[in-house]
PDB file of N, CA and C in Angstrom:
ATOM      1  N   TYR A   1     -29.364 -26.932  51.704  1.00  0.00           N
ATOM      2  CA  TYR A   1     -30.309 -25.839  51.603  1.00  0.00           C
ATOM      3  C   TYR A   1     -29.622 -24.505  51.860  1.00  0.00           C
ATOM      4  N   THR A   2     -30.154 -23.460  51.272  1.00  0.00           N
ATOM      5  CA  THR A   2     -29.642 -22.112  51.467  1.00  0.00           C
ATOM      6  C   THR A   2     -30.619 -21.335  52.330  1.00  0.00           C
ATOM      7  N   TYR A   3     -30.088 -20.685  53.366  1.00  0.00           N
ATOM      8  CA  TYR A   3     -30.936 -19.876  54.239  1.00  0.00           C
ATOM      9  C   TYR A   3     -31.263 -18.563  53.540  1.00  0.00           C
ATOM     10  N   GLN A   4     -32.527 -18.239  53.455  1.00  0.00           N
ATOM     11  CA  GLN A   4     -32.949 -16.963  52.892  1.00  0.00           C
ATOM     12  C   GLN A   4     -33.606 -16.171  54.010  1.00  0.00           C
ATOM     13  N   ALA A   5     -33.051 -15.021  54.306  1.00  0.00           N
ATOM     14  CA  ALA A   5     -33.463 -14.253  55.484  1.00  0.00           C
ATOM     15  C   ALA A   5     -34.959 -13.976  55.546  1.00  0.00           C
ATOM     16  N   PHE A   6     -35.581 -13.602  54.460  1.00  0.00           N
ATOM     17  CA  PHE A   6     -36.993 -13.231  54.476  1.00  0.00           C
ATOM     18  C   PHE A   6     -37.876 -14.221  53.725  1.00  0.00           C
ATOM     19  N   GLY A   7     -37.329 -15.349  53.360  1.00  0.00           N
ATOM     20  CA  GLY A   7     -38.108 -16.313  52.598  1.00  0.00           C
ATOM     21  C   GLY A   7     -38.171 -15.909  51.136  1.00  0.00           C
ATOM     22  N   ALA A   8     -38.904 -16.673  50.361  1.00  0.00           N
ATOM     23  CA  ALA A   8     -39.010 -16.366  48.935  1.00  0.00           C
ATOM     24  C   ALA A   8     -40.374 -16.806  48.436  1.00  0.00           C
ATOM     25  N   GLY A   9     -40.731 -16.324  47.285  1.00  0.00           N
ATOM     26  CA  GLY A   9     -41.991 -16.718  46.683  1.00  0.00           C
ATOM     27  C   GLY A   9     -43.146 -15.855  47.145  1.00  0.00           C
ATOM     28  N   PRO A  10     -44.367 -16.323  46.906  1.00  0.00           N
ATOM     29  CA  PRO A  10     -45.543 -15.503  47.223  1.00  0.00           C
ATOM     30  C   PRO A  10     -45.790 -15.340  48.724  1.00  0.00           C
ATOM     31  N   ARG A  11     -45.195 -16.190  49.538  1.00  0.00           N
ATOM     32  CA  ARG A  11     -45.429 -16.113  50.985  1.00  0.00           C
ATOM     33  C   ARG A  11     -44.177 -15.658  51.728  1.00  0.00           C
ATOM     34  N   ASN A  12     -43.537 -14.622  51.238  1.00  0.00           N
ATOM     35  CA  ASN A  12     -42.343 -14.126  51.924  1.00  0.00           C
ATOM     36  C   ASN A  12     -42.745 -13.274  53.128  1.00  0.00           C
ATOM     37  N   CYS A  13     -41.787 -12.870  53.901  1.00  0.00           N
ATOM     38  CA  CYS A  13     -42.001 -12.181  55.177  1.00  0.00           C
ATOM     39  C   CYS A  13     -42.678 -10.817  54.983  1.00  0.00           C
ATOM     40  N   VAL A  14     -43.708 -10.547  55.796  1.00  0.00           N
ATOM     41  CA  VAL A  14     -44.388  -9.256  55.711  1.00  0.00           C
ATOM     42  C   VAL A  14     -43.521  -8.134  56.277  1.00  0.00           C
ATOM     43  N   GLY A  15     -42.564  -8.455  57.119  1.00  0.00           N
ATOM     44  CA  GLY A  15     -41.694  -7.440  57.710  1.00  0.00           C
ATOM     45  C   GLY A  15     -40.418  -7.202  56.929  1.00  0.00           C
ATOM     46  N   GLN A  16     -40.336  -7.719  55.711  1.00  0.00           N
ATOM     47  CA  GLN A  16     -39.118  -7.592  54.912  1.00  0.00           C
ATOM     48  C   GLN A  16     -38.751  -6.138  54.655  1.00  0.00           C
ATOM     49  N   ARG A  17     -39.703  -5.331  54.238  1.00  0.00           N
ATOM     50  CA  ARG A  17     -39.403  -3.923  53.936  1.00  0.00           C
ATOM     51  C   ARG A  17     -38.950  -3.185  55.188  1.00  0.00           C
ATOM     52  N   MET A  18     -39.618  -3.445  56.315  1.00  0.00           N
ATOM     53  CA  MET A  18     -39.255  -2.783  57.567  1.00  0.00           C
ATOM     54  C   MET A  18     -37.851  -3.200  58.007  1.00  0.00           C
ATOM     55  N   GLY A  19     -37.546  -4.477  57.899  1.00  0.00           N
ATOM     56  CA  GLY A  19     -36.221  -4.970  58.266  1.00  0.00           C
ATOM     57  C   GLY A  19     -35.124  -4.372  57.403  1.00  0.00           C
ATOM     58  N   MET A  20     -35.365  -4.292  56.105  1.00  0.00           N
ATOM     59  CA  MET A  20     -34.377  -3.705  55.202  1.00  0.00           C
ATOM     60  C   MET A  20     -34.207  -2.217  55.473  1.00  0.00           C
ATOM     61  N   LEU A  21     -35.303  -1.521  55.765  1.00  0.00           N
ATOM     62  CA  LEU A  21     -35.239  -0.095  56.075  1.00  0.00           C
ATOM     63  C   LEU A  21     -34.431   0.148  57.349  1.00  0.00           C
ATOM     64  N   GLN A  22     -34.649  -0.666  58.376  1.00  0.00           N
ATOM     65  CA  GLN A  22     -33.898  -0.526  59.621  1.00  0.00           C
ATOM     66  C   GLN A  22     -32.419  -0.816  59.408  1.00  0.00           C
ATOM     67  N   THR A  23     -32.114  -1.824  58.601  1.00  0.00           N
ATOM     68  CA  THR A  23     -30.719  -2.157  58.313  1.00  0.00           C
ATOM     69  C   THR A  23     -30.024  -1.011  57.580  1.00  0.00           C
ATOM     70  N   LYS A  24     -30.684  -0.441  56.584  1.00  0.00           N
ATOM     71  CA  LYS A  24     -30.102   0.673  55.827  1.00  0.00           C
ATOM     72  C   LYS A  24     -29.923   1.904  56.702  1.00  0.00           C
ATOM     73  N   ALA A  25     -30.897   2.190  57.575  1.00  0.00           N
ATOM     74  CA  ALA A  25     -30.799   3.355  58.463  1.00  0.00           C
ATOM     75  C   ALA A  25     -29.654   3.184  59.454  1.00  0.00           C
ATOM     76  N   THR A  26     -29.497   1.983  59.997  1.00  0.00           N
ATOM     77  CA  THR A  26     -28.404   1.712  60.937  1.00  0.00           C
ATOM     78  C   THR A  26     -27.054   1.853  60.248  1.00  0.00           C
ATOM     79  N   LEU A  27     -26.928   1.313  59.053  1.00  0.00           N
ATOM     80  CA  LEU A  27     -25.676   1.423  58.303  1.00  0.00           C
ATOM     81  C   LEU A  27     -25.361   2.875  57.971  1.00  0.00           C
ATOM     82  N   ALA A  28     -26.366   3.656  57.598  1.00  0.00           N
ATOM     83  CA  ALA A  28     -26.156   5.074  57.291  1.00  0.00           C
ATOM     84  C   ALA A  28     -25.686   5.831  58.530  1.00  0.00           C
ATOM     85  N   CYS A  29     -26.278   5.554  59.693  1.00  0.00           N
ATOM     86  CA  CYS A  29     -25.855   6.211  60.940  1.00  0.00           C
ATOM     87  C   CYS A  29     -24.415   5.848  61.286  1.00  0.00           C
ATOM     88  N   LEU A  30     -24.054   4.576  61.116  1.00  0.00           N
ATOM     89  CA  LEU A  30     -22.680   4.156  61.397  1.00  0.00           C
ATOM     90  C   LEU A  30     -21.690   4.855  60.475  1.00  0.00           C
ATOM     91  N   LEU A  31     -22.025   4.929  59.194  1.00  0.00           N
ATOM     92  CA  LEU A  31     -21.114   5.553  58.236  1.00  0.00           C
ATOM     93  C   LEU A  31     -20.980   7.055  58.460  1.00  0.00           C
ATOM     94  N   GLN A  32     -21.992   7.688  59.066  1.00  0.00           N
ATOM     95  CA  GLN A  32     -21.895   9.108  59.387  1.00  0.00           C
ATOM     96  C   GLN A  32     -20.983   9.347  60.585  1.00  0.00           C
ATOM     97  N   LYS A  33     -20.888   8.379  61.492  1.00  0.00           N
ATOM     98  CA  LYS A  33     -20.154   8.577  62.740  1.00  0.00           C
ATOM     99  C   LYS A  33     -18.782   7.917  62.761  1.00  0.00           C
ATOM    100  N   ILE A  34     -18.541   6.969  61.858  1.00  0.00           N
ATOM    101  CA  ILE A  34     -17.289   6.214  61.872  1.00  0.00           C
ATOM    102  C   ILE A  34     -16.626   6.298  60.503  1.00  0.00           C
ATOM    103  N   LYS A  35     -15.302   6.470  60.507  1.00  0.00           N
ATOM    104  CA  LYS A  35     -14.529   6.471  59.266  1.00  0.00           C
ATOM    105  C   LYS A  35     -13.651   5.222  59.273  1.00  0.00           C
ATOM    106  N   PHE A  36     -13.615   4.515  58.168  1.00  0.00           N
ATOM    107  CA  PHE A  36     -12.793   3.319  58.052  1.00  0.00           C
ATOM    108  C   PHE A  36     -11.480   3.684  57.378  1.00  0.00           C
ATOM    109  N   GLN A  37     -10.371   3.243  57.984  1.00  0.00           N
ATOM    110  CA  GLN A  37      -9.049   3.508  57.424  1.00  0.00           C
ATOM    111  C   GLN A  37      -8.294   2.199  57.268  1.00  0.00           C
ATOM    112  N   ARG A  38      -7.469   2.148  56.250  1.00  0.00           N
ATOM    113  CA  ARG A  38      -6.643   0.972  56.014  1.00  0.00           C
ATOM    114  C   ARG A  38      -5.560   0.898  57.078  1.00  0.00           C
ATOM    115  N   CYS A  39      -5.358  -0.288  57.658  1.00  0.00           N
ATOM    116  CA  CYS A  39      -4.287  -0.486  58.629  1.00  0.00           C
ATOM    117  C   CYS A  39      -2.959  -0.654  57.892  1.00  0.00           C
ATOM    118  N   SER A  40      -1.882  -0.457  58.609  1.00  0.00           N
ATOM    119  CA  SER A  40      -0.563  -0.576  57.991  1.00  0.00           C
ATOM    120  C   SER A  40      -0.253  -2.020  57.584  1.00  0.00           C
ATOM    121  N   GLU A  41      -0.971  -2.986  58.140  1.00  0.00           N
ATOM    122  CA  GLU A  41      -0.737  -4.397  57.817  1.00  0.00           C
ATOM    123  C   GLU A  41      -1.309  -4.793  56.453  1.00  0.00           C
ATOM    124  N   THR A  42      -2.172  -3.974  55.887  1.00  0.00           N
ATOM    125  CA  THR A  42      -2.774  -4.271  54.585  1.00  0.00           C
ATOM    126  C   THR A  42      -1.788  -3.918  53.479  1.00  0.00           C
ATOM    127  N   GLN A  43      -1.573  -4.872  52.565  1.00  0.00           N
ATOM    128  CA  GLN A  43      -0.631  -4.649  51.471  1.00  0.00           C
ATOM    129  C   GLN A  43      -1.207  -3.680  50.446  1.00  0.00           C
ATOM    130  N   VAL A  44      -0.344  -2.780  49.960  1.00  0.00           N
ATOM    131  CA  VAL A  44      -0.733  -1.857  48.897  1.00  0.00           C
ATOM    132  C   VAL A  44       0.310  -1.982  47.805  1.00  0.00           C
ATOM    133  N   PRO A  45      -0.049  -2.224  46.571  1.00  0.00           N
ATOM    134  CA  PRO A  45      -1.384  -2.461  46.031  1.00  0.00           C
ATOM    135  C   PRO A  45      -1.869  -3.864  46.398  1.00  0.00           C
ATOM    136  N   LEU A  46      -3.176  -4.043  46.352  1.00  0.00           N
ATOM    137  CA  LEU A  46      -3.763  -5.338  46.675  1.00  0.00           C
ATOM    138  C   LEU A  46      -3.439  -6.351  45.588  1.00  0.00           C
ATOM    139  N   LYS A  47      -3.180  -7.579  46.010  1.00  0.00           N
ATOM    140  CA  LYS A  47      -3.014  -8.677  45.058  1.00  0.00           C
ATOM    141  C   LYS A  47      -4.352  -9.397  44.978  1.00  0.00           C
ATOM    142  N   LEU A  48      -4.920  -9.440  43.783  1.00  0.00           N
ATOM    143  CA  LEU A  48      -6.240 -10.029  43.594  1.00  0.00           C
ATOM    144  C   LEU A  48      -6.129 -11.430  43.013  1.00  0.00           C
ATOM    145  N   GLN A  49      -7.077 -12.278  43.398  1.00  0.00           N
ATOM    146  CA  GLN A  49      -7.125 -13.631  42.850  1.00  0.00           C
ATOM    147  C   GLN A  49      -7.561 -13.556  41.394  1.00  0.00           C
ATOM    148  N   THR A  50      -6.897 -14.309  40.559  1.00  0.00           N
ATOM    149  CA  THR A  50      -7.200 -14.255  39.133  1.00  0.00           C
ATOM    150  C   THR A  50      -8.286 -15.241  38.734  1.00  0.00           C
ATOM    151  N   ARG A  51      -8.470 -16.298  39.498  1.00  0.00           N
ATOM    152  CA  ARG A  51      -9.452 -17.327  39.128  1.00  0.00           C
ATOM    153  C   ARG A  51     -10.699 -17.231  39.998  1.00  0.00           C
ATOM    154  N   SER A  52     -11.241 -16.048  40.083  1.00  0.00           N
ATOM    155  CA  SER A  52     -12.437 -15.832  40.885  1.00  0.00           C
ATOM    156  C   SER A  52     -13.415 -14.979  40.088  1.00  0.00           C
ATOM    157  N   LEU A  53     -14.702 -15.235  40.258  1.00  0.00           N
ATOM    158  CA  LEU A  53     -15.705 -14.437  39.550  1.00  0.00           C
ATOM    159  C   LEU A  53     -15.825 -13.042  40.149  1.00  0.00           C
ATOM    160  N   ALA A  54     -15.632 -12.933  41.460  1.00  0.00           N
ATOM    161  CA  ALA A  54     -15.708 -11.643  42.141  1.00  0.00           C
ATOM    162  C   ALA A  54     -14.292 -11.171  42.468  1.00  0.00           C
ATOM    163  N   LEU A  55     -14.131  -9.866  42.638  1.00  0.00           N
ATOM    164  CA  LEU A  55     -12.828  -9.348  43.051  1.00  0.00           C
ATOM    165  C   LEU A  55     -12.559  -9.800  44.477  1.00  0.00           C
ATOM    166  N   GLN A  56     -11.482 -10.552  44.658  1.00  0.00           N
ATOM    167  CA  GLN A  56     -11.155 -11.088  45.969  1.00  0.00           C
ATOM    168  C   GLN A  56      -9.656 -10.984  46.171  1.00  0.00           C
ATOM    169  N   SER A  57      -9.266 -10.457  47.330  1.00  0.00           N
ATOM    170  CA  SER A  57      -7.860 -10.279  47.651  1.00  0.00           C
ATOM    171  C   SER A  57      -7.259 -11.605  48.105  1.00  0.00           C
ATOM    172  N   THR A  58      -5.979 -11.803  47.783  1.00  0.00           N
ATOM    173  CA  THR A  58      -5.299 -13.017  48.239  1.00  0.00           C
ATOM    174  C   THR A  58      -4.939 -12.925  49.716  1.00  0.00           C
ATOM    175  N   GLU A  59      -4.713 -11.734  50.211  1.00  0.00           N
ATOM    176  CA  GLU A  59      -4.397 -11.497  51.625  1.00  0.00           C
ATOM    177  C   GLU A  59      -5.558 -10.752  52.270  1.00  0.00           C
ATOM    178  N   PRO A  60      -5.718 -10.876  53.594  1.00  0.00           N
ATOM    179  CA  PRO A  60      -6.814 -10.147  54.251  1.00  0.00           C
ATOM    180  C   PRO A  60      -6.639  -8.633  54.161  1.00  0.00           C
ATOM    181  N   VAL A  61      -7.751  -7.933  54.010  1.00  0.00           N
ATOM    182  CA  VAL A  61      -7.756  -6.475  53.998  1.00  0.00           C
ATOM    183  C   VAL A  61      -8.177  -6.029  55.392  1.00  0.00           C
ATOM    184  N   LYS A  62      -7.258  -5.430  56.124  1.00  0.00           N
ATOM    185  CA  LYS A  62      -7.538  -5.031  57.502  1.00  0.00           C
ATOM    186  C   LYS A  62      -7.866  -3.547  57.558  1.00  0.00           C
ATOM    187  N   LEU A  63      -8.973  -3.230  58.228  1.00  0.00           N
ATOM    188  CA  LEU A  63      -9.434  -1.855  58.362  1.00  0.00           C
ATOM    189  C   LEU A  63      -9.529  -1.488  59.831  1.00  0.00           C
ATOM    190  N   GLY A  64      -9.313  -0.228  60.104  1.00  0.00           N
ATOM    191  CA  GLY A  64      -9.505   0.302  61.445  1.00  0.00           C
ATOM    192  C   GLY A  64     -10.659   1.289  61.445  1.00  0.00           C
ATOM    193  N   CYS A  65     -11.324   1.420  62.583  1.00  0.00           N
ATOM    194  CA  CYS A  65     -12.450   2.347  62.725  1.00  0.00           C
ATOM    195  C   CYS A  65     -12.004   3.559  63.527  1.00  0.00           C
ATOM    196  N   VAL A  66     -12.276   4.739  62.994  1.00  0.00           N
ATOM    197  CA  VAL A  66     -11.914   5.989  63.650  1.00  0.00           C
ATOM    198  C   VAL A  66     -13.166   6.852  63.720  1.00  0.00           C
ATOM    199  N   PRO A  67     -13.485   7.410  64.901  1.00  0.00           N
ATOM    200  CA  PRO A  67     -14.664   8.275  64.971  1.00  0.00           C
ATOM    201  C   PRO A  67     -14.474   9.534  64.132  1.00  0.00           C
ATOM    202  N   ARG A  68     -15.529   9.944  63.452  1.00  0.00           N
ATOM    203  CA  ARG A  68     -15.480  11.183  62.672  1.00  0.00           C
ATOM    204  C   ARG A  68     -15.610  12.364  63.622  1.00  0.00           C
ATOM    205  N   VAL A  69     -14.947  13.441  63.269  1.00  0.00           N
ATOM    206  CA  VAL A  69     -15.010  14.649  64.108  1.00  0.00           C
ATOM    207  C   VAL A  69     -15.887  15.680  63.455  1.00  0.00           C
TER     208      VAL A  69
END
């Protein structure tokens, strides 16, 4: 079975819109206060997997968080 956060069909969660709104607001606040930078351990250019439907790196992409000034 696949877990669906808010359920599906005609009887889905009544708090779905509120939950999504809170998630988007929290993410927006984080992005306003924090800047993500590539760490020196991340390879440039990225090597991507060729046999994947989505763009996926062969090595981990490491990011650092820096407060915005």
